[in-house]
Amino acid sequence: MNYMPGTASLIEDIDKKHLVLLRDGRTLIGILRSIDQFANLVLHQTVERIHVGKKFGDIPRGIFVVRGENVVLLGEVDLDKEYDQILQRVSIEEILEEQRTEQQAKQNGHRLNEKNKNKGVQIFLCYLLALTFDPGLSHFLLLCPAPTE
């Protein structure tokens, strides 16, 4: 096997099944049909795999063209171990619902963290304000306006 620089080294991987992790977090699995000097990929019989907890689902995508700058990871799938997994395969509808629920939970947690962060900043600024006027009166934090919800 001779060394080939850059994406030319992937010529040997054409017509093999690959997993591609994209910059936006999506995972694609398909047969690599073409690659160019910019690492642009053409995948055939592509599925988008969605993982949520111990479950996964595959959404058929067909032929997929991926711009090289969006590829984070590219790896060949070991066909002997492809289905030796501890994850449970579920329907497309079920995995999309699980994904939607997970995203809402993350978004609600983020909102709660932002609220708490703002409350802490307001209390700290009020404390600094009290110290500025009279260091001996710093225990009068009750005069500060309550953080709004």
N, C-alpha and C. Protein backbone atom coordinates (compact mmCIF):
# COMPACT_ATOMS: atom_id res chain seq x y z
N MET A 1 0.84 -1.18 0.00
CA MET A 1 0.00 0.00 0.00
C MET A 1 0.89 1.24 0.00
N ASN A 2 0.72 2.06 -1.01
CA ASN A 2 1.50 3.29 -1.13
C ASN A 2 0.80 4.44 -0.44
N TYR A 3 1.58 5.37 0.09
CA TYR A 3 1.02 6.54 0.74
C TYR A 3 0.50 7.51 -0.32
N MET A 4 -0.71 8.01 -0.11
CA MET A 4 -1.28 9.03 -0.99
C MET A 4 -1.68 10.21 -0.11
N PRO A 5 -1.24 11.41 -0.47
CA PRO A 5 -1.55 12.57 0.38
C PRO A 5 -3.01 13.01 0.27
N GLY A 6 -3.50 13.61 1.36
CA GLY A 6 -4.82 14.23 1.35
C GLY A 6 -5.96 13.26 1.11
N THR A 7 -6.98 13.77 0.45
CA THR A 7 -8.18 12.97 0.22
C THR A 7 -7.95 11.84 -0.78
N ALA A 8 -6.84 11.87 -1.50
CA ALA A 8 -6.54 10.78 -2.43
C ALA A 8 -6.40 9.45 -1.70
N SER A 9 -6.04 9.49 -0.42
CA SER A 9 -5.92 8.26 0.36
C SER A 9 -7.26 7.58 0.57
N LEU A 10 -8.37 8.29 0.33
CA LEU A 10 -9.70 7.71 0.50
C LEU A 10 -10.20 6.99 -0.76
N ILE A 11 -9.42 6.99 -1.81
CA ILE A 11 -9.82 6.30 -3.05
C ILE A 11 -10.08 4.83 -2.77
N GLU A 12 -9.30 4.23 -1.89
CA GLU A 12 -9.46 2.81 -1.55
C GLU A 12 -10.78 2.56 -0.82
N ASP A 13 -11.38 3.59 -0.24
CA ASP A 13 -12.61 3.44 0.53
C ASP A 13 -13.88 3.62 -0.30
N ILE A 14 -13.73 3.91 -1.57
CA ILE A 14 -14.92 4.07 -2.43
C ILE A 14 -15.65 2.73 -2.50
N ASP A 15 -16.96 2.80 -2.54
CA ASP A 15 -17.86 1.63 -2.58
C ASP A 15 -17.89 0.85 -1.27
N LYS A 16 -17.48 1.48 -0.18
CA LYS A 16 -17.58 0.87 1.15
C LYS A 16 -18.53 1.72 1.99
N LYS A 17 -19.15 1.08 2.98
CA LYS A 17 -20.09 1.77 3.85
C LYS A 17 -19.33 2.62 4.87
N HIS A 18 -19.76 3.89 5.01
CA HIS A 18 -19.10 4.83 5.92
C HIS A 18 -20.11 5.54 6.81
N LEU A 19 -19.62 5.95 7.97
CA LEU A 19 -20.35 6.81 8.88
C LEU A 19 -19.71 8.20 8.78
N VAL A 20 -20.55 9.22 8.64
CA VAL A 20 -20.06 10.60 8.53
C VAL A 20 -20.73 11.43 9.62
N LEU A 21 -19.93 12.07 10.44
CA LEU A 21 -20.43 12.99 11.46
C LEU A 21 -20.28 14.40 10.90
N LEU A 22 -21.38 15.13 10.86
CA LEU A 22 -21.36 16.48 10.29
C LEU A 22 -21.18 17.53 11.37
N ARG A 23 -20.79 18.71 10.95
CA ARG A 23 -20.54 19.82 11.86
C ARG A 23 -21.77 20.22 12.67
N ASP A 24 -22.96 20.03 12.10
CA ASP A 24 -24.19 20.38 12.82
C ASP A 24 -24.67 19.27 13.74
N GLY A 25 -23.89 18.19 13.87
CA GLY A 25 -24.21 17.12 14.81
C GLY A 25 -24.94 15.95 14.20
N ARG A 26 -25.36 16.05 12.94
CA ARG A 26 -26.07 14.93 12.32
C ARG A 26 -25.09 13.81 11.98
N THR A 27 -25.62 12.58 11.97
CA THR A 27 -24.85 11.40 11.64
C THR A 27 -25.45 10.76 10.40
N LEU A 28 -24.63 10.58 9.37
CA LEU A 28 -25.06 9.93 8.13
C LEU A 28 -24.33 8.62 7.96
N ILE A 29 -25.03 7.62 7.43
CA ILE A 29 -24.41 6.34 7.12
C ILE A 29 -24.79 6.00 5.68
N GLY A 30 -23.79 5.75 4.86
CA GLY A 30 -24.07 5.43 3.46
C GLY A 30 -22.84 4.89 2.77
N ILE A 31 -23.01 4.50 1.53
CA ILE A 31 -21.92 3.95 0.73
C ILE A 31 -21.22 5.11 0.02
N LEU A 32 -19.92 5.23 0.26
CA LEU A 32 -19.13 6.30 -0.34
C LEU A 32 -18.96 6.02 -1.83
N ARG A 33 -19.46 6.93 -2.66
CA ARG A 33 -19.39 6.75 -4.11
C ARG A 33 -18.36 7.64 -4.77
N SER A 34 -18.11 8.83 -4.17
CA SER A 34 -17.17 9.74 -4.80
C SER A 34 -16.61 10.70 -3.75
N ILE A 35 -15.41 11.19 -4.03
CA ILE A 35 -14.76 12.18 -3.17
C ILE A 35 -13.86 13.03 -4.05
N ASP A 36 -13.70 14.30 -3.72
CA ASP A 36 -12.81 15.16 -4.51
C ASP A 36 -11.74 15.78 -3.62
N GLN A 37 -10.94 16.69 -4.19
CA GLN A 37 -9.81 17.27 -3.46
C GLN A 37 -10.24 18.17 -2.31
N PHE A 38 -11.53 18.56 -2.27
CA PHE A 38 -12.03 19.39 -1.18
C PHE A 38 -12.74 18.56 -0.11
N ALA A 39 -12.66 17.25 -0.23
CA ALA A 39 -13.30 16.30 0.68
C ALA A 39 -14.83 16.35 0.57
N ASN A 40 -15.34 16.87 -0.56
CA ASN A 40 -16.77 16.76 -0.82
C ASN A 40 -17.08 15.29 -1.05
N LEU A 41 -18.19 14.82 -0.49
CA LEU A 41 -18.52 13.40 -0.56
C LEU A 41 -19.85 13.18 -1.27
N VAL A 42 -19.97 12.06 -1.95
CA VAL A 42 -21.26 11.60 -2.44
C VAL A 42 -21.51 10.26 -1.77
N LEU A 43 -22.63 10.19 -1.03
CA LEU A 43 -23.02 8.96 -0.34
C LEU A 43 -24.28 8.41 -1.01
N HIS A 44 -24.33 7.09 -1.16
CA HIS A 44 -25.45 6.41 -1.80
C HIS A 44 -26.15 5.54 -0.76
N GLN A 45 -27.45 5.36 -0.89
CA GLN A 45 -28.25 4.59 0.08
C GLN A 45 -28.01 5.13 1.50
N THR A 46 -28.07 6.43 1.62
CA THR A 46 -27.76 7.11 2.88
C THR A 46 -28.95 7.10 3.82
N VAL A 47 -28.65 6.92 5.10
CA VAL A 47 -29.64 7.09 6.16
C VAL A 47 -29.08 8.10 7.16
N GLU A 48 -29.96 8.89 7.74
CA GLU A 48 -29.57 9.78 8.84
C GLU A 48 -29.93 9.06 10.12
N ARG A 49 -28.93 8.80 10.95
CA ARG A 49 -29.15 8.07 12.20
C ARG A 49 -29.29 9.06 13.34
N ILE A 50 -30.39 8.90 14.09
CA ILE A 50 -30.65 9.77 15.24
C ILE A 50 -30.56 8.92 16.50
N HIS A 51 -29.73 9.36 17.45
CA HIS A 51 -29.57 8.68 18.74
C HIS A 51 -30.23 9.51 19.83
N VAL A 52 -31.02 8.85 20.66
CA VAL A 52 -31.57 9.49 21.86
C VAL A 52 -31.51 8.44 22.96
N GLY A 53 -30.66 8.69 23.94
CA GLY A 53 -30.49 7.72 25.02
C GLY A 53 -29.99 6.39 24.46
N LYS A 54 -30.69 5.31 24.77
CA LYS A 54 -30.31 3.97 24.30
C LYS A 54 -31.10 3.56 23.06
N LYS A 55 -31.75 4.52 22.40
CA LYS A 55 -32.55 4.23 21.22
C LYS A 55 -31.95 4.92 20.00
N PHE A 56 -32.23 4.37 18.82
CA PHE A 56 -31.83 5.02 17.59
C PHE A 56 -32.85 4.72 16.50
N GLY A 57 -32.88 5.61 15.52
CA GLY A 57 -33.74 5.43 14.37
C GLY A 57 -33.03 5.92 13.13
N ASP A 58 -33.33 5.29 12.00
CA ASP A 58 -32.71 5.66 10.72
C ASP A 58 -33.76 6.27 9.81
N ILE A 59 -33.44 7.45 9.27
CA ILE A 59 -34.32 8.11 8.31
C ILE A 59 -33.67 7.97 6.94
N PRO A 60 -34.31 7.30 5.99
CA PRO A 60 -33.73 7.15 4.65
C PRO A 60 -33.57 8.51 3.97
N ARG A 61 -32.40 8.76 3.39
CA ARG A 61 -32.13 10.03 2.72
C ARG A 61 -31.72 9.84 1.25
N GLY A 62 -31.41 8.61 0.82
CA GLY A 62 -31.05 8.37 -0.58
C GLY A 62 -29.64 8.82 -0.91
N ILE A 63 -29.49 9.49 -2.05
CA ILE A 63 -28.17 10.01 -2.44
C ILE A 63 -27.95 11.33 -1.73
N PHE A 64 -26.79 11.48 -1.13
CA PHE A 64 -26.51 12.64 -0.29
C PHE A 64 -25.17 13.23 -0.72
N VAL A 65 -25.14 14.52 -1.01
CA VAL A 65 -23.89 15.22 -1.33
C VAL A 65 -23.52 16.06 -0.11
N VAL A 66 -22.31 15.86 0.39
CA VAL A 66 -21.86 16.55 1.61
C VAL A 66 -20.67 17.44 1.25
N ARG A 67 -20.80 18.70 1.57
CA ARG A 67 -19.68 19.63 1.36
C ARG A 67 -18.57 19.29 2.36
N GLY A 68 -17.34 19.22 1.87
CA GLY A 68 -16.21 18.77 2.68
C GLY A 68 -15.99 19.54 3.96
N GLU A 69 -16.26 20.84 3.95
CA GLU A 69 -16.02 21.65 5.15
C GLU A 69 -16.98 21.31 6.28
N ASN A 70 -18.04 20.56 5.98
CA ASN A 70 -19.01 20.18 7.02
C ASN A 70 -18.72 18.83 7.64
N VAL A 71 -17.71 18.13 7.15
CA VAL A 71 -17.36 16.81 7.67
C VAL A 71 -16.46 16.95 8.88
N VAL A 72 -16.89 16.37 10.00
CA VAL A 72 -16.07 16.36 11.21
C VAL A 72 -15.33 15.04 11.31
N LEU A 73 -16.03 13.95 10.96
CA LEU A 73 -15.45 12.62 11.10
C LEU A 73 -15.98 11.74 9.98
N LEU A 74 -15.11 10.93 9.43
CA LEU A 74 -15.49 9.97 8.39
C LEU A 74 -14.83 8.65 8.75
N GLY A 75 -15.63 7.59 8.84
CA GLY A 75 -15.06 6.30 9.20
C GLY A 75 -15.79 5.17 8.53
N GLU A 76 -15.05 4.13 8.19
CA GLU A 76 -15.64 2.96 7.56
C GLU A 76 -16.43 2.16 8.60
N VAL A 77 -17.58 1.65 8.20
CA VAL A 77 -18.42 0.84 9.08
C VAL A 77 -17.97 -0.62 8.95
N ASP A 78 -17.70 -1.25 10.09
CA ASP A 78 -17.35 -2.67 10.10
C ASP A 78 -18.65 -3.46 9.93
N LEU A 79 -18.84 -4.06 8.77
CA LEU A 79 -20.09 -4.74 8.46
C LEU A 79 -20.35 -5.94 9.37
N ASP A 80 -19.29 -6.56 9.89
CA ASP A 80 -19.46 -7.69 10.81
C ASP A 80 -20.02 -7.26 12.16
N LYS A 81 -19.74 -6.02 12.56
CA LYS A 81 -20.17 -5.54 13.88
C LYS A 81 -21.27 -4.49 13.79
N GLU A 82 -21.78 -4.25 12.59
CA GLU A 82 -22.74 -3.18 12.40
C GLU A 82 -23.98 -3.35 13.28
N TYR A 83 -24.45 -4.57 13.44
CA TYR A 83 -25.67 -4.79 14.22
C TYR A 83 -25.39 -5.39 15.59
N ASP A 84 -24.13 -5.49 16.00
CA ASP A 84 -23.78 -5.92 17.36
C ASP A 84 -23.78 -4.70 18.26
N GLN A 85 -24.96 -4.23 18.60
CA GLN A 85 -25.03 -3.00 19.38
C GLN A 85 -26.00 -3.15 20.54
N ILE A 86 -25.79 -2.33 21.52
CA ILE A 86 -26.65 -2.38 22.70
C ILE A 86 -27.82 -1.40 22.59
N LEU A 87 -27.87 -0.67 21.48
CA LEU A 87 -28.95 0.29 21.28
C LEU A 87 -30.17 -0.40 20.69
N GLN A 88 -31.34 0.15 21.00
CA GLN A 88 -32.59 -0.40 20.51
C GLN A 88 -33.06 0.39 19.29
N ARG A 89 -33.33 -0.31 18.18
CA ARG A 89 -33.84 0.34 16.98
C ARG A 89 -35.34 0.60 17.16
N VAL A 90 -35.77 1.85 16.86
CA VAL A 90 -37.18 2.22 16.96
C VAL A 90 -37.62 2.86 15.64
N SER A 91 -38.92 3.08 15.51
CA SER A 91 -39.46 3.65 14.28
C SER A 91 -39.04 5.12 14.13
N ILE A 92 -39.17 5.62 12.92
CA ILE A 92 -38.82 7.01 12.65
C ILE A 92 -39.66 7.96 13.50
N GLU A 93 -40.97 7.69 13.56
CA GLU A 93 -41.86 8.55 14.32
C GLU A 93 -41.47 8.59 15.80
N GLU A 94 -41.15 7.43 16.35
CA GLU A 94 -40.80 7.35 17.77
C GLU A 94 -39.50 8.08 18.06
N ILE A 95 -38.49 7.91 17.21
CA ILE A 95 -37.20 8.56 17.48
C ILE A 95 -37.31 10.07 17.31
N LEU A 96 -38.13 10.52 16.35
CA LEU A 96 -38.31 11.97 16.18
C LEU A 96 -39.04 12.58 17.38
N GLU A 97 -40.00 11.86 17.93
CA GLU A 97 -40.71 12.33 19.13
C GLU A 97 -39.75 12.38 20.33
N GLU A 98 -38.92 11.33 20.47
CA GLU A 98 -37.91 11.31 21.55
C GLU A 98 -36.94 12.49 21.41
N GLN A 99 -36.51 12.75 20.18
CA GLN A 99 -35.58 13.85 19.92
C GLN A 99 -36.23 15.20 20.26
N ARG A 100 -37.49 15.37 19.87
CA ARG A 100 -38.21 16.60 20.15
C ARG A 100 -38.33 16.82 21.67
N THR A 101 -38.66 15.75 22.39
CA THR A 101 -38.78 15.83 23.85
C THR A 101 -37.45 16.20 24.49
N GLU A 102 -36.37 15.57 24.03
CA GLU A 102 -35.04 15.85 24.56
C GLU A 102 -34.63 17.31 24.31
N GLN A 103 -34.91 17.81 23.10
CA GLN A 103 -34.55 19.19 22.78
C GLN A 103 -35.34 20.19 23.63
N GLN A 104 -36.63 19.90 23.86
CA GLN A 104 -37.44 20.78 24.70
C GLN A 104 -36.92 20.80 26.13
N ALA A 105 -36.53 19.62 26.65
CA ALA A 105 -35.99 19.55 28.01
C ALA A 105 -34.70 20.36 28.12
N LYS A 106 -33.83 20.26 27.11
CA LYS A 106 -32.58 21.03 27.12
C LYS A 106 -32.87 22.52 27.06
N GLN A 107 -33.83 22.90 26.22
CA GLN A 107 -34.16 24.32 26.08
C GLN A 107 -34.74 24.87 27.37
N ASN A 108 -35.61 24.11 28.03
CA ASN A 108 -36.19 24.54 29.30
C ASN A 108 -35.11 24.65 30.38
N GLY A 109 -34.17 23.72 30.40
CA GLY A 109 -33.06 23.77 31.34
C GLY A 109 -32.18 24.98 31.10
N HIS A 110 -31.96 25.31 29.83
CA HIS A 110 -31.14 26.48 29.48
C HIS A 110 -31.83 27.76 29.93
N ARG A 111 -33.16 27.83 29.72
CA ARG A 111 -33.90 29.02 30.16
C ARG A 111 -33.82 29.18 31.67
N LEU A 112 -33.95 28.07 32.40
CA LEU A 112 -33.88 28.11 33.86
C LEU A 112 -32.50 28.58 34.31
N ASN A 113 -31.44 28.08 33.67
CA ASN A 113 -30.08 28.50 34.01
C ASN A 113 -29.89 29.99 33.76
N GLU A 114 -30.44 30.49 32.64
CA GLU A 114 -30.32 31.92 32.34
C GLU A 114 -31.06 32.76 33.38
N LYS A 115 -32.25 32.30 33.79
CA LYS A 115 -33.01 33.02 34.81
C LYS A 115 -32.22 33.10 36.11
N ASN A 116 -31.69 31.96 36.55
CA ASN A 116 -30.93 31.91 37.80
C ASN A 116 -29.67 32.75 37.71
N LYS A 117 -29.03 32.74 36.56
CA LYS A 117 -27.81 33.54 36.37
C LYS A 117 -28.15 35.02 36.50
N ASN A 118 -29.26 35.43 35.89
CA ASN A 118 -29.66 36.84 35.97
C ASN A 118 -30.01 37.24 37.40
N LYS A 119 -30.66 36.36 38.15
CA LYS A 119 -30.99 36.65 39.54
C LYS A 119 -29.71 36.86 40.34
N GLY A 120 -28.75 36.00 40.14
CA GLY A 120 -27.48 36.10 40.85
C GLY A 120 -26.77 37.39 40.53
N VAL A 121 -26.77 37.81 39.28
CA VAL A 121 -26.13 39.05 38.88
C VAL A 121 -26.83 40.24 39.53
N GLN A 122 -28.18 40.23 39.55
CA GLN A 122 -28.92 41.33 40.17
C GLN A 122 -28.60 41.44 41.66
N ILE A 123 -28.57 40.31 42.35
CA ILE A 123 -28.27 40.33 43.79
C ILE A 123 -26.85 40.81 44.03
N PHE A 124 -25.89 40.36 43.24
CA PHE A 124 -24.50 40.78 43.39
C PHE A 124 -24.35 42.28 43.14
N LEU A 125 -25.00 42.80 42.09
CA LEU A 125 -24.92 44.23 41.81
C LEU A 125 -25.54 45.05 42.93
N CYS A 126 -26.63 44.54 43.49
CA CYS A 126 -27.27 45.23 44.61
C CYS A 126 -26.33 45.25 45.81
N TYR A 127 -25.64 44.15 46.06
CA TYR A 127 -24.67 44.07 47.16
C TYR A 127 -23.55 45.07 46.94
N LEU A 128 -23.04 45.16 45.71
CA LEU A 128 -21.98 46.13 45.41
C LEU A 128 -22.47 47.56 45.61
N LEU A 129 -23.72 47.80 45.23
CA LEU A 129 -24.30 49.12 45.40
C LEU A 129 -24.37 49.49 46.89
N ALA A 130 -24.78 48.54 47.72
CA ALA A 130 -24.86 48.79 49.16
C ALA A 130 -23.47 49.07 49.74
N LEU A 131 -22.46 48.33 49.30
CA LEU A 131 -21.09 48.54 49.78
C LEU A 131 -20.55 49.89 49.36
N THR A 132 -20.96 50.35 48.17
CA THR A 132 -20.47 51.62 47.66
C THR A 132 -20.93 52.78 48.53
N PHE A 133 -22.17 52.74 48.98
CA PHE A 133 -22.70 53.84 49.79
C PHE A 133 -22.15 53.82 51.21
N ASP A 134 -22.12 52.65 51.82
CA ASP A 134 -21.64 52.57 53.20
C ASP A 134 -21.25 51.13 53.49
N PRO A 135 -19.96 50.85 53.62
CA PRO A 135 -19.53 49.47 53.86
C PRO A 135 -20.16 48.86 55.10
N GLY A 136 -20.54 49.67 56.06
CA GLY A 136 -21.15 49.15 57.28
C GLY A 136 -22.61 48.74 57.09
N LEU A 137 -23.23 49.12 55.99
CA LEU A 137 -24.64 48.83 55.76
C LEU A 137 -24.87 47.72 54.73
N SER A 138 -23.87 46.93 54.49
CA SER A 138 -23.99 45.93 53.44
C SER A 138 -25.03 44.86 53.76
N HIS A 139 -25.47 44.78 55.01
CA HIS A 139 -26.48 43.77 55.35
C HIS A 139 -27.89 44.23 54.99
N PHE A 140 -28.05 45.43 54.45
CA PHE A 140 -29.37 45.93 54.06
C PHE A 140 -29.70 45.57 52.60
N LEU A 141 -29.48 44.33 52.26
CA LEU A 141 -29.79 43.88 50.90
C LEU A 141 -31.28 43.80 50.64
N LEU A 142 -32.08 43.83 51.70
CA LEU A 142 -33.53 43.74 51.53
C LEU A 142 -34.08 44.96 50.82
N LEU A 143 -33.34 46.07 50.78
CA LEU A 143 -33.80 47.28 50.10
C LEU A 143 -33.71 47.15 48.60
N CYS A 144 -33.00 46.16 48.12
CA CYS A 144 -32.86 45.99 46.68
C CYS A 144 -34.14 45.46 46.08
N PRO A 145 -34.45 45.85 44.86
CA PRO A 145 -35.66 45.32 44.22
C PRO A 145 -35.51 43.82 43.97
N ALA A 146 -36.59 43.12 44.14
CA ALA A 146 -36.58 41.66 43.93
C ALA A 146 -36.42 41.39 42.44
N PRO A 147 -35.65 40.36 42.11
CA PRO A 147 -35.49 39.99 40.70
C PRO A 147 -36.84 39.63 40.09
N THR A 148 -37.07 40.06 38.88
CA THR A 148 -38.33 39.74 38.20
C THR A 148 -38.27 38.34 37.61
N GLU A 149 -39.41 37.70 37.53
CA GLU A 149 -39.49 36.33 36.98
C GLU A 149 -39.49 36.37 35.48
